[in-house]
Structure formats: structure tokens, C-alpha cells
N, C-alpha and C. Protein backbone atom coordinates (compact mmCIF):
# COMPACT_ATOMS: atom_id res chain seq x y z
N MET A 1 -93.39 95.27 44.55
CA MET A 1 -92.42 93.98 45.08
C MET A 1 -91.46 94.78 43.71
N ALA A 2 -90.06 94.58 44.54
CA ALA A 2 -89.02 94.96 43.10
C ALA A 2 -88.31 93.47 42.73
N ALA A 3 -87.80 93.54 41.61
CA ALA A 3 -87.39 92.40 40.98
C ALA A 3 -85.94 92.19 41.57
N PRO A 4 -86.04 90.51 41.87
CA PRO A 4 -84.50 90.21 42.47
C PRO A 4 -83.51 90.98 41.92
N GLN A 5 -81.91 90.65 42.00
CA GLN A 5 -81.29 91.55 42.04
C GLN A 5 -80.24 90.04 41.32
N LEU A 6 -79.95 89.67 40.46
CA LEU A 6 -79.08 88.60 40.22
C LEU A 6 -77.80 89.27 40.21
N ASN A 7 -76.84 88.39 40.86
CA ASN A 7 -75.63 88.69 40.85
C ASN A 7 -74.84 88.03 39.97
N THR A 8 -74.61 87.74 39.13
CA THR A 8 -74.03 86.98 38.33
C THR A 8 -72.61 87.21 38.28
N PRO A 9 -71.84 86.03 38.59
CA PRO A 9 -69.98 85.99 38.95
C PRO A 9 -69.58 86.24 37.46
N PRO A 10 -68.43 86.70 37.10
CA PRO A 10 -67.66 86.67 36.12
C PRO A 10 -67.14 85.58 35.62
N PRO A 11 -67.11 84.84 34.22
CA PRO A 11 -66.70 83.92 34.10
C PRO A 11 -65.60 83.43 34.47
N ALA A 12 -65.51 82.05 34.99
CA ALA A 12 -64.07 81.83 35.74
C ALA A 12 -63.08 81.51 35.00
N ASP A 13 -61.68 81.66 35.47
CA ASP A 13 -60.68 81.50 34.05
C ASP A 13 -60.90 80.02 32.93
N SER A 14 -61.27 79.00 33.76
CA SER A 14 -61.22 78.08 32.88
C SER A 14 -62.79 78.35 31.42
N ASP A 15 -63.34 78.91 32.02
CA ASP A 15 -64.54 79.37 30.99
C ASP A 15 -63.99 80.25 29.99
N LYS A 16 -63.09 81.32 30.33
CA LYS A 16 -62.25 82.08 29.18
C LYS A 16 -61.42 81.25 28.59
N GLY A 17 -60.65 80.58 29.05
CA GLY A 17 -59.61 79.62 28.42
C GLY A 17 -60.06 78.79 27.53
N ALA A 18 -61.51 78.40 27.89
CA ALA A 18 -62.27 77.58 26.82
C ALA A 18 -63.04 78.96 25.60
N LEU A 19 -63.46 79.90 26.01
CA LEU A 19 -63.67 80.99 24.95
C LEU A 19 -62.84 81.14 23.84
N LEU A 20 -61.37 81.15 24.93
CA LEU A 20 -60.10 81.33 23.75
C LEU A 20 -60.01 80.66 22.61
N HIS A 21 -59.89 79.19 23.25
CA HIS A 21 -59.74 78.11 22.35
C HIS A 21 -60.91 78.02 21.36
N GLN A 22 -61.86 78.40 21.66
CA GLN A 22 -62.82 78.49 20.97
C GLN A 22 -62.95 79.31 19.30
N LEU A 23 -62.55 80.80 20.03
CA LEU A 23 -62.48 82.13 18.90
C LEU A 23 -60.83 81.32 17.90
N ARG A 24 -60.24 80.92 18.74
CA ARG A 24 -59.11 80.58 18.34
C ARG A 24 -59.26 79.21 16.93
N ILE A 25 -59.89 78.16 17.37
CA ILE A 25 -60.26 77.24 16.08
C ILE A 25 -61.36 77.82 15.39
N GLU A 26 -62.63 78.94 15.66
CA GLU A 26 -63.33 79.41 14.98
C GLU A 26 -62.43 80.07 14.27
N ARG A 27 -61.61 81.08 14.34
CA ARG A 27 -60.71 81.45 13.37
C ARG A 27 -59.98 80.81 12.09
N GLY A 28 -59.69 79.27 12.67
CA GLY A 28 -58.79 78.31 11.62
C GLY A 28 -59.67 77.81 10.81
N LEU A 29 -60.87 78.04 11.39
CA LEU A 29 -61.73 77.29 10.31
C LEU A 29 -62.35 78.02 9.38
N ARG A 30 -62.53 79.23 9.72
CA ARG A 30 -62.89 80.40 9.11
C ARG A 30 -62.21 80.69 7.65
N ALA A 31 -60.52 80.61 7.82
CA ALA A 31 -59.32 80.84 7.12
C ALA A 31 -59.06 79.64 6.29
N GLY A 32 -59.50 78.25 7.02
CA GLY A 32 -59.25 77.32 5.94
C GLY A 32 -60.41 76.43 4.86
N LEU A 33 -61.65 77.04 5.38
CA LEU A 33 -62.67 76.48 4.97
C LEU A 33 -62.96 77.77 3.90
N PRO A 34 -64.21 77.02 2.60
CA PRO A 34 -64.31 77.90 1.42
C PRO A 34 -65.38 78.71 2.02
N PRO A 35 -65.50 80.15 1.59
CA PRO A 35 -66.28 81.49 2.26
C PRO A 35 -67.76 80.10 2.23
N ASP A 36 -68.24 80.01 1.55
CA ASP A 36 -69.48 79.53 2.06
C ASP A 36 -69.52 78.13 3.03
N ALA A 37 -68.46 77.99 3.16
CA ALA A 37 -69.04 77.03 4.33
C ALA A 37 -69.66 77.66 6.05
N ARG A 38 -69.71 77.37 6.27
CA ARG A 38 -70.72 77.34 7.90
C ARG A 38 -69.89 76.76 9.09
N VAL A 39 -69.75 78.05 9.66
CA VAL A 39 -68.49 77.94 11.33
C VAL A 39 -69.36 78.82 11.82
N LEU A 40 -69.66 77.87 13.46
CA LEU A 40 -69.98 78.44 14.14
C LEU A 40 -69.10 77.47 15.67
N GLY A 41 -68.17 78.50 16.23
CA GLY A 41 -67.70 78.41 17.24
C GLY A 41 -66.51 77.02 16.63
N ALA A 42 -66.73 75.99 17.39
CA ALA A 42 -65.42 75.11 16.87
C ALA A 42 -66.20 74.01 16.15
N ILE A 43 -67.60 74.64 15.52
CA ILE A 43 -67.98 73.85 14.63
C ILE A 43 -67.79 74.28 13.02
N GLY A 44 -67.02 73.05 11.71
CA GLY A 44 -67.39 73.88 10.27
C GLY A 44 -67.79 72.33 10.26
N VAL A 45 -68.68 73.18 8.45
CA VAL A 45 -69.92 72.16 7.50
C VAL A 45 -69.25 72.43 6.41
N ILE A 46 -69.18 71.90 5.21
CA ILE A 46 -68.88 71.98 3.83
C ILE A 46 -70.47 71.20 2.91
N GLU A 47 -71.20 72.03 3.00
CA GLU A 47 -72.68 71.68 2.53
C GLU A 47 -72.05 71.01 0.85
N LEU A 48 -72.31 70.01 0.47
CA LEU A 48 -72.18 69.92 -1.04
C LEU A 48 -73.88 69.73 -1.50
N ASP A 49 -73.45 69.93 -3.29
CA ASP A 49 -74.65 69.38 -3.96
C ASP A 49 -74.80 68.29 -4.34
N ARG A 50 -74.16 67.31 -3.71
CA ARG A 50 -74.30 65.95 -3.94
C ARG A 50 -74.58 64.96 -2.63
N PRO A 51 -74.38 63.59 -2.62
CA PRO A 51 -74.28 63.30 -1.47
C PRO A 51 -72.33 62.65 -1.41
N VAL A 52 -71.84 63.28 -0.30
CA VAL A 52 -70.51 62.91 0.04
C VAL A 52 -70.05 61.43 -0.09
N ASN A 53 -69.40 61.02 -1.25
CA ASN A 53 -69.12 59.97 -1.29
C ASN A 53 -67.90 59.18 0.17
N MET A 54 -68.55 58.14 0.54
CA MET A 54 -67.92 57.92 2.06
C MET A 54 -66.19 57.32 1.51
N ALA A 55 -66.59 56.28 1.05
CA ALA A 55 -65.47 55.60 0.78
C ALA A 55 -64.34 56.85 0.56
N ARG A 56 -64.28 57.39 -0.80
CA ARG A 56 -63.30 58.81 -0.50
C ARG A 56 -63.11 60.00 0.26
N ALA A 57 -64.04 59.82 0.73
CA ALA A 57 -64.50 61.02 2.41
C ALA A 57 -63.14 60.36 3.10
N THR A 58 -63.55 59.14 3.74
CA THR A 58 -62.54 58.51 4.60
C THR A 58 -61.16 58.06 4.38
N ARG A 59 -61.24 57.85 2.97
CA ARG A 59 -59.63 57.50 2.37
C ARG A 59 -59.22 59.03 2.69
N ILE A 60 -59.40 60.46 2.24
CA ILE A 60 -59.00 61.70 2.27
C ILE A 60 -58.91 61.56 4.11
N ALA A 61 -59.48 61.52 4.41
CA ALA A 61 -59.15 62.12 6.00
C ALA A 61 -58.05 60.85 6.74
N VAL A 62 -58.31 59.70 6.07
CA VAL A 62 -57.23 58.74 7.03
C VAL A 62 -55.85 59.58 6.45
N ASP A 63 -56.28 59.60 5.09
CA ASP A 63 -54.71 60.23 4.59
C ASP A 63 -54.55 61.27 4.89
N HIS A 64 -54.56 62.29 5.57
CA HIS A 64 -54.45 63.49 6.37
C HIS A 64 -54.51 63.14 7.64
N GLY A 65 -54.56 62.12 8.22
CA GLY A 65 -55.24 61.73 9.15
C GLY A 65 -55.60 62.55 10.42
N VAL A 66 -56.57 62.90 10.19
CA VAL A 66 -57.99 63.48 10.69
C VAL A 66 -59.29 62.55 10.58
N TRP A 67 -59.94 63.33 11.43
CA TRP A 67 -61.26 61.82 11.94
C TRP A 67 -62.02 63.41 11.40
N LEU A 68 -63.00 63.24 10.41
CA LEU A 68 -63.82 64.06 10.02
C LEU A 68 -65.41 63.46 9.87
N ARG A 69 -66.90 64.29 9.92
CA ARG A 69 -67.66 63.05 10.10
C ARG A 69 -68.47 64.00 9.02
N PRO A 70 -68.36 62.93 8.13
CA PRO A 70 -68.97 62.87 6.45
C PRO A 70 -70.68 62.40 6.88
N PHE A 71 -71.43 63.20 6.50
CA PHE A 71 -72.83 62.48 5.90
C PHE A 71 -73.98 62.94 5.17
N ARG A 72 -74.77 62.53 4.71
CA ARG A 72 -75.67 62.68 3.53
C ARG A 72 -74.70 63.92 2.69
N ASN A 73 -74.80 65.25 2.57
CA ASN A 73 -74.36 66.17 1.71
C ASN A 73 -73.41 67.40 2.50
N LEU A 74 -73.26 66.59 3.90
CA LEU A 74 -72.65 67.68 4.76
C LEU A 74 -70.87 66.51 4.89
N ILE A 75 -70.44 67.89 5.13
CA ILE A 75 -68.76 67.33 5.74
C ILE A 75 -68.32 67.89 7.05
N TYR A 76 -68.78 67.44 8.63
CA TYR A 76 -68.81 68.35 9.56
C TYR A 76 -67.01 67.72 10.21
N CYS A 77 -66.73 68.98 10.77
CA CYS A 77 -65.76 69.01 11.90
C CYS A 77 -65.80 69.49 12.76
N MET A 78 -65.15 68.89 14.61
CA MET A 78 -65.70 69.18 15.29
C MET A 78 -64.65 69.32 16.48
N PRO A 79 -63.42 69.99 15.92
CA PRO A 79 -62.18 69.75 16.50
C PRO A 79 -61.98 70.01 18.36
N PRO A 80 -61.71 69.23 18.97
CA PRO A 80 -61.18 69.80 20.55
C PRO A 80 -60.63 71.11 20.54
N TYR A 81 -61.12 71.81 21.97
CA TYR A 81 -60.21 72.61 22.54
C TYR A 81 -58.99 72.92 21.98
N ILE A 82 -58.17 71.65 22.88
CA ILE A 82 -56.69 71.84 22.63
C ILE A 82 -55.69 71.17 21.03
N THR A 83 -56.93 71.18 20.08
CA THR A 83 -55.92 71.18 18.77
C THR A 83 -55.45 72.06 18.32
N SER A 84 -54.25 71.85 17.98
CA SER A 84 -52.95 72.71 17.44
C SER A 84 -53.77 73.24 16.11
N ASP A 85 -52.96 74.70 15.67
CA ASP A 85 -53.52 75.18 14.75
C ASP A 85 -52.56 74.53 13.83
N GLU A 86 -51.40 73.61 13.60
CA GLU A 86 -51.17 72.89 12.69
C GLU A 86 -52.35 72.25 12.09
N ASP A 87 -52.73 70.99 13.40
CA ASP A 87 -53.86 70.15 13.04
C ASP A 87 -55.37 70.60 12.99
N LEU A 88 -55.43 71.82 13.00
CA LEU A 88 -56.55 72.83 12.28
C LEU A 88 -56.31 73.09 10.39
N GLU A 89 -55.37 73.37 10.77
CA GLU A 89 -54.80 73.78 8.84
C GLU A 89 -55.05 72.26 8.13
N ARG A 90 -54.45 70.67 8.88
CA ARG A 90 -55.03 69.53 8.33
C ARG A 90 -56.33 69.49 7.86
N ILE A 91 -56.89 69.68 9.02
CA ILE A 91 -58.68 69.09 9.01
C ILE A 91 -59.28 69.60 7.95
N THR A 92 -58.94 71.56 7.90
CA THR A 92 -59.46 71.99 7.11
C THR A 92 -59.18 71.25 5.32
N THR A 93 -57.80 71.49 5.51
CA THR A 93 -57.15 70.78 4.28
C THR A 93 -57.90 69.80 3.33
N ALA A 94 -57.85 68.49 4.50
CA ALA A 94 -58.86 67.48 4.08
C ALA A 94 -60.03 67.36 3.83
N MET A 95 -61.30 68.38 4.47
CA MET A 95 -62.49 69.05 4.35
C MET A 95 -62.87 69.46 3.39
N VAL A 96 -61.77 70.74 2.46
CA VAL A 96 -62.04 70.72 1.24
C VAL A 96 -61.43 69.94 0.03
N ALA A 97 -60.75 68.84 0.55
CA ALA A 97 -60.20 67.85 -0.34
C ALA A 97 -60.96 66.75 -0.29
N CYS A 98 -62.59 66.46 0.59
CA CYS A 98 -63.02 65.82 0.32
C CYS A 98 -64.51 66.59 0.08
N ALA A 99 -64.53 67.49 -0.05
CA ALA A 99 -65.43 68.33 -1.35
C ALA A 99 -65.03 68.35 -2.60
């Protein structure tokens, strides 16, 4: 018995657009974060050698006008695909300031 043929359709235009946004954000995160930061798609993480000072990190994020997700010894960002390059720069600048 022959294996069934899988006809996988090409990605929809909306999928292509999402991928382009993800790649753009990934490039921006890699450019704005330290070399040892972890970046996977549209997720950026800075790992510290100490717990995050939550009060300080919150103040820095608010001062920069961004939303970050600090916990334990990690500072996360997960920007939406509609994030502009200017906002992405503000996010990475805030993350570095928190670190």
C-alpha cells in the first residue's frame, strides 16, 4: 500500500505577513539586546545573575512607556506583531536598563 500523498497548501497571505512581522521583531530584539540575551521569534529574554528588583524594573518600564514581564531572574518581552521599530527600540532599551 502506497503512502498517502499530503498536499500541503502554501501559507496563506496572513501567515506570510505574520512571519514577516515575527522576523522583523526578532531582528530588532537581537539588535537592541545584549549578545547573551535569548531571542526566539518575537520573544526576548535577559537572564540576570540575581533576582529582578521588581519595584525598580516596574518604574523603569513605566518611565519608558513599555510593558515588560520580569520575574525571578528573567526580564521577558513579547511584543505584538504590530509593534513599530521605534517602540521595539524603546522596549529593548527598557530591558537593558532593568538589567
